[in-house]
Amino acid sequence: MSWIEQFREDGYTIVRGLIELDVRAAVVEECTALVDLLAERLVSDGKAPSTFADEPFDTRMIRLYEGRADETPTIFRPELHRADFFGLFGHPGLLDLAEAVLGPEVRLYPNYSARPKLPENDRTLVLWHQDAGYTASDADVLRMLNVWTPLVPATRENGCMEIVPGSHKRGVVRHEKDTYYLRIADEVIRPLEDEAVAIECDPGDVVLFSNLVFHRGLPNRSQHIRWSLDFRYQDATQPTMRAMNGHLVRSRLRPLEVVSGADAWASLSLR
């Protein structure tokens, strides 16, 4: 079965080894720079004894926020307009996959994130949901391709995703508000939980999934941070159903409006 056949049948697929080492390394460097800024502020405010600059990437924020878990950032979004993030968001191979699903007009939807999932932190525990659930009845008309990729190996132990294959065929189901996120109503998800598949993958792999597929993040029970990025491509001929319009990353109709490269990306903002 080809990747696109699996995507259409199961609502997801994993493309192994798509993102090159140099692209991944540059993204890690950008994430490290974001943590540098946090560390300097914490030290300046007297909230951390050191910037822990020599601490490994996947444990540094644990040390920085030791004893202050409730203050730990769980997401970076507007901060991602740094040049080397565009190597991922504008990756030609990824855009080819997006075009195969969505057609030649491709927008980076205004919902792109880097997430440090810290161990045993309820604020980073994502419950069963559909991304489409966040835009209510309008969501199922948005033609989107969700992308998720880890910067460290994603395993059951450190909280990899779980997906219910084929659940995208059910349309938008009822969601309820939980403490931090929406979650699919218990009577909908409980009969299907045994069908869930753990999405274990490595840096360089990308998980492509429908905005209608049921998915969640398992708890991080490891001793390190599960860093990942998630973002969405959308058919740019459609509205975003948001106040923000995102950024055009591939187009035959409007080629002059496409983000032209890393420097152009860094000059833009979340909008």
Protein backbone atom coordinates (compact mmCIF):
# COMPACT_ATOMS: atom_id res chain seq x y z
CA MET A 1 0.00 0.00 0.00
CA SER A 2 1.40 3.43 -0.92
CA TRP A 3 1.65 6.22 1.63
CA ILE A 4 -1.28 8.10 0.13
CA GLU A 5 -3.44 4.96 0.00
CA GLN A 6 -2.74 4.35 3.69
CA PHE A 7 -3.44 8.00 4.45
CA ARG A 8 -6.82 7.82 2.76
CA GLU A 9 -7.73 4.44 4.27
CA ASP A 10 -6.37 4.80 7.82
CA GLY A 11 -6.29 8.57 8.19
CA TYR A 12 -2.53 8.63 8.74
CA THR A 13 0.81 7.42 7.45
CA ILE A 14 4.44 7.60 8.59
CA VAL A 15 7.08 8.65 6.06
CA ARG A 16 10.39 7.42 7.44
CA GLY A 17 13.62 9.40 7.16
CA LEU A 18 12.21 12.25 5.09
CA ILE A 19 13.83 15.14 6.98
CA GLU A 20 17.59 15.33 6.49
CA LEU A 21 20.03 15.52 9.40
CA ASP A 22 21.18 19.06 8.59
CA VAL A 23 17.58 20.34 8.56
CA ARG A 24 16.85 18.65 11.89
CA ALA A 25 20.07 19.94 13.44
CA ALA A 26 19.22 23.49 12.39
CA VAL A 27 15.76 23.20 13.96
CA VAL A 28 17.28 21.89 17.20
CA GLU A 29 19.64 24.89 17.17
CA GLU A 30 16.70 27.25 16.82
CA CYS A 31 14.88 25.53 19.69
CA THR A 32 18.05 25.75 21.75
CA ALA A 33 18.20 29.49 21.04
CA LEU A 34 14.63 29.84 22.32
CA VAL A 35 15.57 28.01 25.51
CA ASP A 36 18.65 30.27 25.82
CA LEU A 37 16.34 33.28 25.97
CA LEU A 38 14.20 31.62 28.63
CA ALA A 39 17.30 30.67 30.64
CA GLU A 40 18.72 34.19 30.58
CA ARG A 41 15.39 35.60 31.76
CA LEU A 42 15.11 33.06 34.57
CA VAL A 43 18.60 33.82 35.82
CA SER A 44 17.96 37.56 35.55
CA ASP A 45 14.77 37.19 37.59
CA GLY A 46 16.52 35.08 40.21
CA LYS A 47 14.42 32.03 39.40
CA ALA A 48 17.28 29.76 38.25
CA PRO A 49 20.82 29.45 39.62
CA SER A 50 22.35 28.96 36.17
CA THR A 51 21.45 28.89 32.48
CA PHE A 52 22.50 25.21 32.43
CA ALA A 53 24.04 25.85 29.02
CA ASP A 54 25.93 22.53 29.10
CA GLU A 55 22.86 20.47 29.90
CA PRO A 56 21.65 18.19 27.05
CA PHE A 57 18.87 19.52 24.81
CA ASP A 58 16.37 16.94 26.01
CA THR A 59 16.83 17.64 29.75
CA ARG A 60 17.81 21.32 29.98
CA MET A 61 14.32 22.72 30.56
CA ILE A 62 13.78 20.18 33.34
CA ARG A 63 16.78 21.64 35.16
CA LEU A 64 15.81 25.24 34.41
CA TYR A 65 12.31 24.83 35.82
CA GLU A 66 13.12 22.44 38.65
CA GLY A 67 10.55 23.07 41.38
CA ARG A 68 8.57 25.39 39.07
CA ALA A 69 6.85 22.88 36.79
CA ASP A 70 3.73 25.02 36.48
CA GLU A 71 5.80 27.80 34.87
CA THR A 72 7.32 25.60 32.20
CA PRO A 73 6.43 26.67 28.65
CA THR A 74 4.50 23.93 26.89
CA ILE A 75 4.42 25.43 23.40
CA PHE A 76 6.31 27.84 21.15
CA ARG A 77 4.33 29.34 18.28
CA PRO A 78 4.91 33.03 17.38
CA GLU A 79 8.56 32.44 18.31
CA LEU A 80 9.00 30.10 15.32
CA HIS A 81 9.65 32.89 12.82
CA ARG A 82 13.37 32.22 12.94
CA ALA A 83 15.18 31.44 9.71
CA ASP A 84 16.07 27.78 10.20
CA PHE A 85 12.56 26.68 11.04
CA PHE A 86 11.73 27.27 7.39
CA GLY A 87 13.94 24.36 6.40
CA LEU A 88 11.21 22.19 7.92
CA PHE A 89 8.05 24.15 7.13
CA GLY A 90 9.17 24.77 3.54
CA HIS A 91 10.82 21.36 3.02
CA PRO A 92 10.41 20.50 -0.69
CA GLY A 93 9.70 16.83 0.00
CA LEU A 94 7.01 17.72 2.52
CA LEU A 95 5.45 20.22 0.14
CA ASP A 96 5.35 17.53 -2.56
CA LEU A 97 3.40 15.30 -0.19
CA ALA A 98 1.11 18.17 0.74
CA GLU A 99 0.46 18.94 -2.93
CA ALA A 100 -0.39 15.29 -3.59
CA VAL A 101 -3.13 15.49 -0.96
CA LEU A 102 -4.31 19.09 -1.26
CA GLY A 103 -3.51 20.21 -4.80
CA PRO A 104 -1.05 22.85 -6.01
CA GLU A 105 -2.21 25.73 -3.76
CA VAL A 106 -0.72 25.06 -0.32
CA ARG A 107 -0.87 27.26 2.76
CA LEU A 108 0.97 26.77 6.03
CA TYR A 109 -2.03 27.03 8.31
CA PRO A 110 -1.65 29.56 11.17
CA ASN A 111 -1.21 26.84 13.78
CA TYR A 112 2.42 25.68 13.83
CA SER A 113 4.11 24.71 17.07
CA ALA A 114 7.23 23.41 18.76
CA ARG A 115 6.35 21.47 21.89
CA PRO A 116 8.61 20.41 24.77
CA LYS A 117 6.65 17.60 26.46
CA LEU A 118 8.08 17.38 29.96
CA PRO A 119 7.89 14.24 32.10
CA GLU A 120 4.87 13.75 34.34
CA ASN A 121 3.41 17.18 33.56
CA ASP A 122 -0.37 17.25 33.18
CA ARG A 123 -0.16 20.49 31.21
CA THR A 124 1.46 18.60 28.32
CA LEU A 125 -0.91 15.61 28.40
CA VAL A 126 -3.04 15.78 25.24
CA LEU A 127 -6.25 13.75 25.44
CA TRP A 128 -8.19 12.00 22.69
CA HIS A 129 -9.35 14.60 20.18
CA GLN A 130 -9.68 15.55 16.54
CA ASP A 131 -7.98 18.74 15.43
CA ALA A 132 -11.18 19.43 13.55
CA GLY A 133 -12.98 19.51 16.90
CA TYR A 134 -11.43 22.88 17.64
CA THR A 135 -13.20 24.53 14.71
CA ALA A 136 -16.60 22.95 15.34
CA SER A 137 -18.93 22.28 12.42
CA ASP A 138 -16.79 24.17 9.93
CA ALA A 139 -13.80 21.87 10.46
CA ASP A 140 -14.81 19.03 8.19
CA VAL A 141 -14.87 21.31 5.14
CA LEU A 142 -11.24 22.35 5.61
CA ARG A 143 -8.91 20.32 3.43
CA MET A 144 -5.82 19.88 5.57
CA LEU A 145 -2.78 17.70 6.03
CA ASN A 146 -1.44 17.54 9.59
CA VAL A 147 2.30 16.99 10.07
CA TRP A 148 4.01 15.82 13.26
CA THR A 149 7.75 15.19 13.56
CA PRO A 150 9.94 14.47 16.61
CA LEU A 151 13.33 16.00 17.44
CA VAL A 152 14.12 13.09 19.78
CA PRO A 153 12.93 9.47 19.39
CA ALA A 154 9.21 9.26 20.17
CA THR A 155 8.35 6.13 22.16
CA ARG A 156 5.56 4.84 24.35
CA GLU A 157 7.71 5.67 27.37
CA ASN A 158 8.18 9.36 26.52
CA GLY A 159 4.65 9.96 25.32
CA CYS A 160 4.34 9.23 21.60
CA MET A 161 1.06 9.74 19.79
CA GLU A 162 -1.67 7.16 19.55
CA ILE A 163 -4.07 7.11 16.61
CA VAL A 164 -7.28 5.18 15.96
CA PRO A 165 -6.94 4.03 12.31
CA GLY A 166 -9.95 4.79 10.15
CA SER A 167 -11.55 7.13 12.68
CA HIS A 168 -11.36 10.04 10.20
CA LYS A 169 -14.31 8.47 8.36
CA ARG A 170 -16.64 9.28 11.26
CA GLY A 171 -16.73 13.02 10.63
CA VAL A 172 -16.51 15.51 13.48
CA VAL A 173 -17.64 13.86 16.72
CA ARG A 174 -18.73 15.37 20.01
CA HIS A 175 -15.98 16.93 22.13
CA GLU A 176 -16.02 18.13 25.73
CA LYS A 177 -13.88 20.75 27.45
CA ASP A 178 -11.24 19.35 29.78
CA THR A 179 -8.80 21.27 32.00
CA TYR A 180 -6.38 22.28 29.24
CA TYR A 181 -7.73 20.83 25.98
CA LEU A 182 -10.81 19.50 24.28
CA ARG A 183 -11.38 15.75 24.45
CA ILE A 184 -13.64 13.37 22.57
CA ALA A 185 -16.71 12.38 24.57
CA ASP A 186 -16.18 9.16 26.52
CA GLU A 187 -19.07 7.29 24.92
CA VAL A 188 -17.50 7.89 21.49
CA ILE A 189 -13.89 6.95 22.23
CA ARG A 190 -14.20 4.14 24.78
CA PRO A 191 -15.41 1.46 22.33
CA LEU A 192 -12.49 2.31 20.02
CA GLU A 193 -9.54 2.59 22.40
CA ASP A 194 -8.46 -1.03 21.87
CA GLU A 195 -7.96 -0.23 18.17
CA ALA A 196 -5.42 2.52 18.92
CA VAL A 197 -1.93 2.28 17.40
CA ALA A 198 1.17 3.76 19.07
CA ILE A 199 3.05 6.00 16.62
CA GLU A 200 6.66 5.38 17.59
CA CYS A 201 9.08 7.18 15.30
CA ASP A 202 12.54 8.72 15.08
CA PRO A 203 13.92 12.15 14.22
CA GLY A 204 13.64 12.53 10.47
CA ASP A 205 10.33 10.67 10.30
CA VAL A 206 7.11 12.56 9.65
CA VAL A 207 3.62 11.51 10.63
CA LEU A 208 0.98 12.74 8.20
CA PHE A 209 -2.60 12.57 9.43
CA SER A 210 -6.08 13.83 8.77
CA ASN A 211 -7.52 16.63 10.88
CA LEU A 212 -10.44 14.26 11.50
CA VAL A 213 -8.47 11.29 12.85
CA PHE A 214 -8.78 10.47 16.57
CA HIS A 215 -5.42 10.90 18.30
CA ARG A 216 -3.82 11.66 21.66
CA GLY A 217 -0.41 11.92 23.30
CA LEU A 218 0.55 9.31 25.87
CA PRO A 219 2.02 10.46 29.22
CA ASN A 220 5.75 11.13 29.26
CA ARG A 221 7.09 8.67 31.84
CA SER A 222 10.74 9.05 30.85
CA GLN A 223 13.44 11.25 32.37
CA HIS A 224 13.76 13.55 29.36
CA ILE A 225 11.75 15.97 27.26
CA ARG A 226 9.98 14.74 24.14
CA TRP A 227 10.56 17.65 21.77
CA SER A 228 8.42 17.70 18.62
CA LEU A 229 6.95 20.02 16.01
CA ASP A 230 3.46 19.92 14.62
CA PHE A 231 2.00 21.99 11.82
CA ARG A 232 -0.69 21.89 9.17
CA TYR A 233 -0.86 22.47 5.45
CA GLN A 234 -4.17 23.58 3.99
CA ASP A 235 -5.69 23.93 0.55
CA ALA A 236 -5.03 27.64 0.05
CA THR A 237 -8.12 28.09 -2.09
CA GLN A 238 -10.15 27.76 1.11
CA PRO A 239 -10.47 30.27 3.97
CA THR A 240 -8.75 29.41 7.25
CA MET A 241 -11.92 29.95 9.32
CA ARG A 242 -9.70 32.04 11.61
CA ALA A 243 -8.78 35.68 11.94
CA MET A 244 -5.26 34.73 10.76
CA ASN A 245 -4.47 33.78 7.17
CA GLY A 246 -1.26 31.75 7.48
CA HIS A 247 1.44 31.78 4.81
CA LEU A 248 1.43 30.61 1.21
CA VAL A 249 4.22 28.06 0.70
CA ARG A 250 3.39 26.67 -2.76
CA SER A 251 1.26 28.15 -5.53
CA ARG A 252 0.84 28.15 -9.27
CA LEU A 253 -1.82 30.85 -9.14
CA ARG A 254 0.10 33.28 -6.91
CA PRO A 255 3.79 32.38 -7.15
CA LEU A 256 4.96 35.86 -6.17
CA GLU A 257 3.15 35.57 -2.83
CA VAL A 258 4.88 32.34 -1.78
CA VAL A 259 7.34 32.62 1.13
CA SER A 260 10.59 32.75 -0.81
CA GLY A 261 13.01 31.28 1.72
CA ALA A 262 14.45 31.33 5.21
CA ASP A 263 15.15 35.07 5.36
CA ALA A 264 11.65 35.89 4.15
CA TRP A 265 10.20 33.52 6.76
CA ALA A 266 12.18 35.24 9.53
CA SER A 267 10.81 38.62 8.44
CA LEU A 268 7.19 37.46 8.84
CA SER A 269 5.06 36.77 11.90
CA LEU A 270 2.23 34.51 13.01
CA ARG A 271 -0.73 35.96 11.15
